[in-house]
Amino acid sequence: MLNNLQDWLVSPATAVVFCAGCGYVFRNAIARYFTKSIEHKFDEKLARAKAQFQAKEGEIERISAFIASQKKKIGKHCSLQKDCMLVKAL
């Protein structure tokens, strides 16, 4: 009975000590791995956000240019004083 109990205690204890020793020896490598992994994910999300921002910024510039060109067109073809006042208000 005592021999069987030793087997139950020694085997898991050896495994725990071995895993703890490996973790201690490779702690810097493990920390570097997780740091680089998180950094990579953050860089990907940041690049995606920058691309979306630039796309929206370009869209805003195109809309602004379109509005400016339409104001010029309307201003040239304005026949009534009332219409011209509306264009200037924009």
Protein backbone atom coordinates (compact mmCIF):
# COMPACT_ATOMS: atom_id res chain seq x y z
CA MET A 1 0.00 0.00 0.00
CA LEU A 2 2.77 2.43 0.90
CA ASN A 3 4.62 1.62 -2.34
CA ASN A 4 1.50 2.40 -4.37
CA LEU A 5 1.10 5.73 -2.52
CA GLN A 6 4.72 6.66 -3.33
CA ASP A 7 4.05 6.04 -7.01
CA TRP A 8 1.02 8.32 -6.87
CA LEU A 9 3.00 11.12 -5.22
CA VAL A 10 6.42 10.84 -6.87
CA SER A 11 5.24 10.71 -10.46
CA PRO A 12 3.16 13.94 -10.42
CA ALA A 13 5.72 15.70 -8.25
CA THR A 14 8.45 14.87 -10.76
CA ALA A 15 6.33 16.16 -13.61
CA VAL A 16 5.60 19.41 -11.74
CA VAL A 17 9.25 19.96 -10.90
CA PHE A 18 10.28 19.26 -14.49
CA CYS A 19 7.69 21.68 -15.92
CA ALA A 20 8.60 24.35 -13.39
CA GLY A 21 12.30 23.94 -14.24
CA CYS A 22 11.60 24.23 -17.96
CA GLY A 23 9.48 27.31 -17.35
CA TYR A 24 12.24 28.89 -15.28
CA VAL A 25 14.94 28.13 -17.85
CA PHE A 26 12.89 29.34 -20.81
CA ARG A 27 11.12 32.24 -19.05
CA ASN A 28 12.82 34.92 -21.16
CA ALA A 29 12.02 33.15 -24.41
CA ILE A 30 8.41 32.61 -23.36
CA ALA A 31 8.04 36.27 -22.32
CA ARG A 32 9.59 37.43 -25.61
CA TYR A 33 7.23 35.17 -27.58
CA PHE A 34 4.11 36.58 -25.90
CA THR A 35 5.40 40.15 -26.15
CA LYS A 36 6.06 39.80 -29.89
CA SER A 37 2.72 38.09 -30.42
CA ILE A 38 0.80 40.91 -28.74
CA GLU A 39 2.91 43.53 -30.52
CA HIS A 40 2.21 41.91 -33.89
CA LYS A 41 -1.56 41.84 -33.27
CA PHE A 42 -1.48 45.47 -32.15
CA ASP A 43 0.49 46.51 -35.25
CA GLU A 44 -2.00 44.74 -37.52
CA LYS A 45 -4.97 46.47 -35.86
CA LEU A 46 -3.18 49.82 -36.01
CA ALA A 47 -2.40 49.40 -39.72
CA ARG A 48 -6.04 48.47 -40.39
CA ALA A 49 -7.27 51.52 -38.46
CA LYS A 50 -4.85 53.81 -40.33
CA ALA A 51 -6.02 52.44 -43.68
CA GLN A 52 -9.67 53.01 -42.75
CA PHE A 53 -8.88 56.53 -41.58
CA GLN A 54 -7.02 57.36 -44.80
CA ALA A 55 -9.86 55.95 -46.91
CA LYS A 56 -12.41 58.06 -45.06
CA GLU A 57 -10.16 61.09 -45.27
CA GLY A 58 -9.88 60.64 -49.04
CA GLU A 59 -13.64 60.27 -49.29
CA ILE A 60 -14.15 63.50 -47.35
CA GLU A 61 -11.73 65.31 -49.66
CA ARG A 62 -13.58 64.02 -52.74
CA ILE A 63 -16.92 65.12 -51.31
CA SER A 64 -15.51 68.56 -50.45
CA ALA A 65 -14.11 68.94 -53.96
CA PHE A 66 -17.43 67.89 -55.46
CA ILE A 67 -19.35 70.39 -53.33
CA ALA A 68 -16.91 73.16 -54.26
CA SER A 69 -17.25 72.36 -57.96
CA GLN A 70 -21.04 72.32 -57.70
CA LYS A 71 -21.00 75.68 -55.95
CA LYS A 72 -18.96 77.10 -58.82
CA LYS A 73 -21.33 75.61 -61.40
CA ILE A 74 -24.41 76.91 -59.62
CA GLY A 75 -22.81 80.31 -59.16
CA LYS A 76 -22.16 80.61 -62.90
CA HIS A 77 -25.70 79.62 -63.86
CA CYS A 78 -27.46 81.58 -61.18
CA SER A 79 -30.20 83.64 -62.78
CA LEU A 80 -32.25 84.74 -59.82
CA GLN A 81 -30.92 86.77 -56.94
CA LYS A 82 -32.68 84.45 -54.50
CA ASP A 83 -30.83 81.37 -55.86
CA CYS A 84 -27.51 83.15 -55.64
CA MET A 85 -28.15 83.95 -51.98
CA LEU A 86 -28.84 80.26 -51.29
CA VAL A 87 -25.55 79.25 -52.94
CA LYS A 88 -23.59 81.80 -50.92
CA ALA A 89 -25.22 80.50 -47.74
CA LEU A 90 -23.82 77.04 -48.42
